[in-house]
Amino acid sequence: MSQQKKEKPKIIDHRHCVICGKAIPPDEQVCSPDCREKLELSKEREKKSKRMMLIIYVIMIVALIILFVLGPA
């Protein structure tokens, strides 16, 4: 028996939309204006969450410092 290599179909260079997963050109990040809007909203929410976590950490550290400095002597 002769061994023949099965040729795999060539896949066109592409990426997938970070929101919905559709195939898009490699230089794009999203497939539509709707997905772009969803991506921007997601980024804004992430920025707000990071800011809030930073504020909470700073408040906790300040509270701990005050407790140790002004705590029971």
PDB file of N, CA and C in Angstrom:
ATOM      1  N   MET A   1       0.831  -1.181   0.000  1.00  0.00           N
ATOM      2  CA  MET A   1       0.000   0.000   0.000  1.00  0.00           C
ATOM      3  C   MET A   1       0.872   1.240   0.000  1.00  0.00           C
ATOM      4  N   SER A   2       0.497   2.163  -0.792  1.00  0.00           N
ATOM      5  CA  SER A   2       1.246   3.421  -0.800  1.00  0.00           C
ATOM      6  C   SER A   2       0.622   4.380   0.206  1.00  0.00           C
ATOM      7  N   GLN A   3       1.504   5.080   0.871  1.00  0.00           N
ATOM      8  CA  GLN A   3       1.015   6.028   1.880  1.00  0.00           C
ATOM      9  C   GLN A   3       0.831   7.390   1.225  1.00  0.00           C
ATOM     10  N   GLN A   4      -0.389   7.835   1.204  1.00  0.00           N
ATOM     11  CA  GLN A   4      -0.673   9.155   0.664  1.00  0.00           C
ATOM     12  C   GLN A   4      -1.002  10.084   1.819  1.00  0.00           C
ATOM     13  N   LYS A   5      -0.385  11.231   1.801  1.00  0.00           N
ATOM     14  CA  LYS A   5      -0.678  12.217   2.834  1.00  0.00           C
ATOM     15  C   LYS A   5      -1.989  12.890   2.504  1.00  0.00           C
ATOM     16  N   LYS A   6      -2.848  12.924   3.494  1.00  0.00           N
ATOM     17  CA  LYS A   6      -4.100  13.628   3.304  1.00  0.00           C
ATOM     18  C   LYS A   6      -3.833  15.108   3.526  1.00  0.00           C
ATOM     19  N   GLU A   7      -4.152  15.884   2.532  1.00  0.00           N
ATOM     20  CA  GLU A   7      -3.929  17.320   2.655  1.00  0.00           C
ATOM     21  C   GLU A   7      -5.053  17.947   3.457  1.00  0.00           C
ATOM     22  N   LYS A   8      -4.653  18.707   4.453  1.00  0.00           N
ATOM     23  CA  LYS A   8      -5.635  19.419   5.246  1.00  0.00           C
ATOM     24  C   LYS A   8      -6.026  20.682   4.492  1.00  0.00           C
ATOM     25  N   PRO A   9      -7.287  21.051   4.582  1.00  0.00           N
ATOM     26  CA  PRO A   9      -7.679  22.294   3.904  1.00  0.00           C
ATOM     27  C   PRO A   9      -6.964  23.483   4.536  1.00  0.00           C
ATOM     28  N   LYS A  10      -6.546  24.395   3.688  1.00  0.00           N
ATOM     29  CA  LYS A  10      -5.841  25.587   4.175  1.00  0.00           C
ATOM     30  C   LYS A  10      -6.832  26.491   4.908  1.00  0.00           C
ATOM     31  N   ILE A  11      -6.423  26.972   6.066  1.00  0.00           N
ATOM     32  CA  ILE A  11      -7.255  27.884   6.835  1.00  0.00           C
ATOM     33  C   ILE A  11      -6.764  29.297   6.568  1.00  0.00           C
ATOM     34  N   ILE A  12      -7.675  30.145   6.191  1.00  0.00           N
ATOM     35  CA  ILE A  12      -7.332  31.536   5.913  1.00  0.00           C
ATOM     36  C   ILE A  12      -6.923  32.205   7.221  1.00  0.00           C
ATOM     37  N   ASP A  13      -5.881  33.044   7.144  1.00  0.00           N
ATOM     38  CA  ASP A  13      -5.404  33.761   8.326  1.00  0.00           C
ATOM     39  C   ASP A  13      -6.543  34.611   8.882  1.00  0.00           C
ATOM     40  N   HIS A  14      -6.849  34.402  10.156  1.00  0.00           N
ATOM     41  CA  HIS A  14      -7.966  35.120  10.772  1.00  0.00           C
ATOM     42  C   HIS A  14      -7.819  35.151  12.279  1.00  0.00           C
ATOM     43  N   ARG A  15      -8.668  35.929  12.908  1.00  0.00           N
ATOM     44  CA  ARG A  15      -8.811  35.964  14.364  1.00  0.00           C
ATOM     45  C   ARG A  15     -10.275  35.758  14.655  1.00  0.00           C
ATOM     46  N   HIS A  16     -10.607  35.775  15.939  1.00  0.00           N
ATOM     47  CA  HIS A  16     -12.002  35.668  16.330  1.00  0.00           C
ATOM     48  C   HIS A  16     -12.385  36.896  17.146  1.00  0.00           C
ATOM     49  N   CYS A  17     -13.606  37.349  16.943  1.00  0.00           N
ATOM     50  CA  CYS A  17     -14.136  38.497  17.676  1.00  0.00           C
ATOM     51  C   CYS A  17     -14.062  38.188  19.170  1.00  0.00           C
ATOM     52  N   VAL A  18     -13.543  39.130  19.957  1.00  0.00           N
ATOM     53  CA  VAL A  18     -13.386  38.900  21.390  1.00  0.00           C
ATOM     54  C   VAL A  18     -14.721  38.882  22.121  1.00  0.00           C
ATOM     55  N   ILE A  19     -15.789  39.344  21.483  1.00  0.00           N
ATOM     56  CA  ILE A  19     -17.105  39.363  22.108  1.00  0.00           C
ATOM     57  C   ILE A  19     -17.936  38.149  21.699  1.00  0.00           C
ATOM     58  N   CYS A  20     -18.127  37.955  20.385  1.00  0.00           N
ATOM     59  CA  CYS A  20     -19.044  36.896  19.938  1.00  0.00           C
ATOM     60  C   CYS A  20     -18.349  35.675  19.345  1.00  0.00           C
ATOM     61  N   GLY A  21     -17.073  35.782  19.000  1.00  0.00           N
ATOM     62  CA  GLY A  21     -16.328  34.628  18.512  1.00  0.00           C
ATOM     63  C   GLY A  21     -16.376  34.408  17.014  1.00  0.00           C
ATOM     64  N   LYS A  22     -16.982  35.286  16.243  1.00  0.00           N
ATOM     65  CA  LYS A  22     -17.029  35.135  14.787  1.00  0.00           C
ATOM     66  C   LYS A  22     -15.642  35.349  14.202  1.00  0.00           C
ATOM     67  N   ALA A  23     -15.359  34.684  13.082  1.00  0.00           N
ATOM     68  CA  ALA A  23     -14.079  34.854  12.401  1.00  0.00           C
ATOM     69  C   ALA A  23     -14.022  36.243  11.776  1.00  0.00           C
ATOM     70  N   ILE A  24     -12.886  36.915  11.966  1.00  0.00           N
ATOM     71  CA  ILE A  24     -12.694  38.268  11.443  1.00  0.00           C
ATOM     72  C   ILE A  24     -11.286  38.383  10.883  1.00  0.00           C
ATOM     73  N   PRO A  25     -11.000  39.431  10.095  1.00  0.00           N
ATOM     74  CA  PRO A  25      -9.639  39.621   9.580  1.00  0.00           C
ATOM     75  C   PRO A  25      -8.637  39.765  10.729  1.00  0.00           C
ATOM     76  N   PRO A  26      -7.383  39.393  10.495  1.00  0.00           N
ATOM     77  CA  PRO A  26      -6.384  39.404  11.577  1.00  0.00           C
ATOM     78  C   PRO A  26      -6.095  40.784  12.168  1.00  0.00           C
ATOM     79  N   ASP A  27      -6.386  41.850  11.432  1.00  0.00           N
ATOM     80  CA  ASP A  27      -6.087  43.184  11.949  1.00  0.00           C
ATOM     81  C   ASP A  27      -7.245  43.808  12.722  1.00  0.00           C
ATOM     82  N   GLU A  28      -8.339  43.107  12.857  1.00  0.00           N
ATOM     83  CA  GLU A  28      -9.501  43.605  13.589  1.00  0.00           C
ATOM     84  C   GLU A  28      -9.578  42.958  14.971  1.00  0.00           C
ATOM     85  N   GLN A  29     -10.303  43.599  15.885  1.00  0.00           N
ATOM     86  CA  GLN A  29     -10.484  43.040  17.222  1.00  0.00           C
ATOM     87  C   GLN A  29     -11.922  42.576  17.430  1.00  0.00           C
ATOM     88  N   VAL A  30     -12.871  43.271  16.797  1.00  0.00           N
ATOM     89  CA  VAL A  30     -14.282  42.924  16.901  1.00  0.00           C
ATOM     90  C   VAL A  30     -14.897  42.896  15.506  1.00  0.00           C
ATOM     91  N   CYS A  31     -16.085  42.289  15.399  1.00  0.00           N
ATOM     92  CA  CYS A  31     -16.686  42.099  14.080  1.00  0.00           C
ATOM     93  C   CYS A  31     -17.690  43.173  13.689  1.00  0.00           C
ATOM     94  N   SER A  32     -18.229  43.901  14.653  1.00  0.00           N
ATOM     95  CA  SER A  32     -19.279  44.865  14.319  1.00  0.00           C
ATOM     96  C   SER A  32     -19.266  46.032  15.304  1.00  0.00           C
ATOM     97  N   PRO A  33     -19.964  47.111  14.954  1.00  0.00           N
ATOM     98  CA  PRO A  33     -20.063  48.240  15.892  1.00  0.00           C
ATOM     99  C   PRO A  33     -20.746  47.841  17.204  1.00  0.00           C
ATOM    100  N   ASP A  34     -21.693  46.912  17.130  1.00  0.00           N
ATOM    101  CA  ASP A  34     -22.371  46.443  18.338  1.00  0.00           C
ATOM    102  C   ASP A  34     -21.380  45.754  19.284  1.00  0.00           C
ATOM    103  N   CYS A  35     -20.534  44.903  18.721  1.00  0.00           N
ATOM    104  CA  CYS A  35     -19.520  44.221  19.541  1.00  0.00           C
ATOM    105  C   CYS A  35     -18.495  45.222  20.066  1.00  0.00           C
ATOM    106  N   ARG A  36     -18.160  46.243  19.262  1.00  0.00           N
ATOM    107  CA  ARG A  36     -17.206  47.269  19.709  1.00  0.00           C
ATOM    108  C   ARG A  36     -17.771  48.014  20.920  1.00  0.00           C
ATOM    109  N   GLU A  37     -19.079  48.319  20.878  1.00  0.00           N
ATOM    110  CA  GLU A  37     -19.728  49.005  21.991  1.00  0.00           C
ATOM    111  C   GLU A  37     -19.712  48.125  23.242  1.00  0.00           C
ATOM    112  N   LYS A  38     -19.996  46.842  23.074  1.00  0.00           N
ATOM    113  CA  LYS A  38     -19.967  45.920  24.213  1.00  0.00           C
ATOM    114  C   LYS A  38     -18.562  45.817  24.796  1.00  0.00           C
ATOM    115  N   LEU A  39     -17.550  45.817  23.940  1.00  0.00           N
ATOM    116  CA  LEU A  39     -16.161  45.749  24.397  1.00  0.00           C
ATOM    117  C   LEU A  39     -15.795  47.001  25.187  1.00  0.00           C
ATOM    118  N   GLU A  40     -16.192  48.171  24.703  1.00  0.00           N
ATOM    119  CA  GLU A  40     -15.904  49.421  25.400  1.00  0.00           C
ATOM    120  C   GLU A  40     -16.595  49.457  26.766  1.00  0.00           C
ATOM    121  N   LEU A  41     -17.854  49.017  26.828  1.00  0.00           N
ATOM    122  CA  LEU A  41     -18.558  48.972  28.106  1.00  0.00           C
ATOM    123  C   LEU A  41     -17.864  48.026  29.077  1.00  0.00           C
ATOM    124  N   SER A  42     -17.407  46.902  28.567  1.00  0.00           N
ATOM    125  CA  SER A  42     -16.706  45.924  29.400  1.00  0.00           C
ATOM    126  C   SER A  42     -15.403  46.520  29.941  1.00  0.00           C
ATOM    127  N   LYS A  43     -14.677  47.233  29.094  1.00  0.00           N
ATOM    128  CA  LYS A  43     -13.424  47.862  29.535  1.00  0.00           C
ATOM    129  C   LYS A  43     -13.689  48.926  30.597  1.00  0.00           C
ATOM    130  N   GLU A  44     -14.749  49.715  30.415  1.00  0.00           N
ATOM    131  CA  GLU A  44     -15.099  50.736  31.404  1.00  0.00           C
ATOM    132  C   GLU A  44     -15.447  50.102  32.752  1.00  0.00           C
ATOM    133  N   ARG A  45     -16.242  49.015  32.712  1.00  0.00           N
ATOM    134  CA  ARG A  45     -16.599  48.315  33.953  1.00  0.00           C
ATOM    135  C   ARG A  45     -15.357  47.779  34.650  1.00  0.00           C
ATOM    136  N   GLU A  46     -14.434  47.241  33.862  1.00  0.00           N
ATOM    137  CA  GLU A  46     -13.195  46.712  34.434  1.00  0.00           C
ATOM    138  C   GLU A  46     -12.371  47.823  35.085  1.00  0.00           C
ATOM    139  N   LYS A  47     -12.298  48.992  34.439  1.00  0.00           N
ATOM    140  CA  LYS A  47     -11.559  50.120  35.010  1.00  0.00           C
ATOM    141  C   LYS A  47     -12.193  50.569  36.324  1.00  0.00           C
ATOM    142  N   LYS A  48     -13.528  50.636  36.362  1.00  0.00           N
ATOM    143  CA  LYS A  48     -14.222  51.042  37.585  1.00  0.00           C
ATOM    144  C   LYS A  48     -13.974  50.031  38.704  1.00  0.00           C
ATOM    145  N   SER A  49     -14.001  48.747  38.374  1.00  0.00           N
ATOM    146  CA  SER A  49     -13.759  47.709  39.385  1.00  0.00           C
ATOM    147  C   SER A  49     -12.353  47.824  39.953  1.00  0.00           C
ATOM    148  N   LYS A  50     -11.373  48.016  39.089  1.00  0.00           N
ATOM    149  CA  LYS A  50      -9.994  48.147  39.555  1.00  0.00           C
ATOM    150  C   LYS A  50      -9.828  49.374  40.450  1.00  0.00           C
ATOM    151  N   ARG A  51     -10.473  50.483  40.060  1.00  0.00           N
ATOM    152  CA  ARG A  51     -10.407  51.697  40.863  1.00  0.00           C
ATOM    153  C   ARG A  51     -11.011  51.472  42.245  1.00  0.00           C
ATOM    154  N   MET A  52     -12.179  50.822  42.289  1.00  0.00           N
ATOM    155  CA  MET A  52     -12.845  50.560  43.566  1.00  0.00           C
ATOM    156  C   MET A  52     -11.993  49.649  44.451  1.00  0.00           C
ATOM    157  N   MET A  53     -11.390  48.622  43.871  1.00  0.00           N
ATOM    158  CA  MET A  53     -10.534  47.726  44.648  1.00  0.00           C
ATOM    159  C   MET A  53      -9.338  48.488  45.214  1.00  0.00           C
ATOM    160  N   LEU A  54      -8.755  49.375  44.429  1.00  0.00           N
ATOM    161  CA  LEU A  54      -7.628  50.171  44.904  1.00  0.00           C
ATOM    162  C   LEU A  54      -8.060  51.059  46.067  1.00  0.00           C
ATOM    163  N   ILE A  55      -9.217  51.686  45.947  1.00  0.00           N
ATOM    164  CA  ILE A  55      -9.728  52.545  47.028  1.00  0.00           C
ATOM    165  C   ILE A  55      -9.957  51.727  48.288  1.00  0.00           C
ATOM    166  N   ILE A  56     -10.554  50.548  48.154  1.00  0.00           N
ATOM    167  CA  ILE A  56     -10.810  49.680  49.314  1.00  0.00           C
ATOM    168  C   ILE A  56      -9.493  49.270  49.977  1.00  0.00           C
ATOM    169  N   TYR A  57      -8.484  48.899  49.168  1.00  0.00           N
ATOM    170  CA  TYR A  57      -7.193  48.506  49.732  1.00  0.00           C
ATOM    171  C   TYR A  57      -6.544  49.672  50.484  1.00  0.00           C
ATOM    172  N   VAL A  58      -6.597  50.870  49.906  1.00  0.00           N
ATOM    173  CA  VAL A  58      -5.999  52.036  50.560  1.00  0.00           C
ATOM    174  C   VAL A  58      -6.703  52.308  51.886  1.00  0.00           C
ATOM    175  N   ILE A  59      -8.036  52.249  51.886  1.00  0.00           N
ATOM    176  CA  ILE A  59      -8.788  52.471  53.125  1.00  0.00           C
ATOM    177  C   ILE A  59      -8.412  51.428  54.172  1.00  0.00           C
ATOM    178  N   MET A  60      -8.291  50.167  53.769  1.00  0.00           N
ATOM    179  CA  MET A  60      -7.921  49.108  54.722  1.00  0.00           C
ATOM    180  C   MET A  60      -6.524  49.328  55.285  1.00  0.00           C
ATOM    181  N   ILE A  61      -5.583  49.710  54.444  1.00  0.00           N
ATOM    182  CA  ILE A  61      -4.212  49.938  54.915  1.00  0.00           C
ATOM    183  C   ILE A  61      -4.169  51.123  55.871  1.00  0.00           C
ATOM    184  N   VAL A  62      -4.867  52.204  55.527  1.00  0.00           N
ATOM    185  CA  VAL A  62      -4.911  53.371  56.416  1.00  0.00           C
ATOM    186  C   VAL A  62      -5.538  52.985  57.752  1.00  0.00           C
ATOM    187  N   ALA A  63      -6.625  52.204  57.712  1.00  0.00           N
ATOM    188  CA  ALA A  63      -7.278  51.776  58.949  1.00  0.00           C
ATOM    189  C   ALA A  63      -6.337  50.920  59.792  1.00  0.00           C
ATOM    190  N   LEU A  64      -5.597  50.021  59.178  1.00  0.00           N
ATOM    191  CA  LEU A  64      -4.649  49.189  59.926  1.00  0.00           C
ATOM    192  C   LEU A  64      -3.528  50.028  60.531  1.00  0.00           C
ATOM    193  N   ILE A  65      -3.029  50.990  59.767  1.00  0.00           N
ATOM    194  CA  ILE A  65      -1.970  51.863  60.297  1.00  0.00           C
ATOM    195  C   ILE A  65      -2.503  52.644  61.485  1.00  0.00           C
ATOM    196  N   ILE A  66      -3.694  53.185  61.372  1.00  0.00           N
ATOM    197  CA  ILE A  66      -4.271  53.943  62.496  1.00  0.00           C
ATOM    198  C   ILE A  66      -4.455  53.037  63.708  1.00  0.00           C
ATOM    199  N   LEU A  67      -4.914  51.814  63.496  1.00  0.00           N
ATOM    200  CA  LEU A  67      -5.104  50.891  64.624  1.00  0.00           C
ATOM    201  C   LEU A  67      -3.788  50.567  65.313  1.00  0.00           C
ATOM    202  N   PHE A  68      -2.731  50.374  64.548  1.00  0.00           N
ATOM    203  CA  PHE A  68      -1.445  50.043  65.154  1.00  0.00           C
ATOM    204  C   PHE A  68      -0.800  51.246  65.809  1.00  0.00           C
ATOM    205  N   VAL A  69      -0.976  52.430  65.251  1.00  0.00           N
ATOM    206  CA  VAL A  69      -0.357  53.632  65.820  1.00  0.00           C
ATOM    207  C   VAL A  69      -1.134  54.126  67.020  1.00  0.00           C
ATOM    208  N   LEU A  70      -2.454  54.169  66.920  1.00  0.00           N
ATOM    209  CA  LEU A  70      -3.284  54.717  67.993  1.00  0.00           C
ATOM    210  C   LEU A  70      -3.926  53.605  68.840  1.00  0.00           C
ATOM    211  N   GLY A  71      -3.543  52.383  68.592  1.00  0.00           N
ATOM    212  CA  GLY A  71      -4.131  51.260  69.329  1.00  0.00           C
ATOM    213  C   GLY A  71      -3.782  51.252  70.787  1.00  0.00           C
ATOM    214  N   PRO A  72      -4.221  50.228  71.488  1.00  0.00           N
ATOM    215  CA  PRO A  72      -3.954  50.130  72.928  1.00  0.00           C
ATOM    216  C   PRO A  72      -2.452  50.196  73.235  1.00  0.00           C
ATOM    217  N   ALA A  73      -2.139  50.966  74.217  1.00  0.00           N
ATOM    218  CA  ALA A  73      -0.733  51.146  74.567  1.00  0.00           C
ATOM    219  C   ALA A  73      -0.325  50.273  75.725  1.00  0.00           C
TER     220      ALA A  73
END
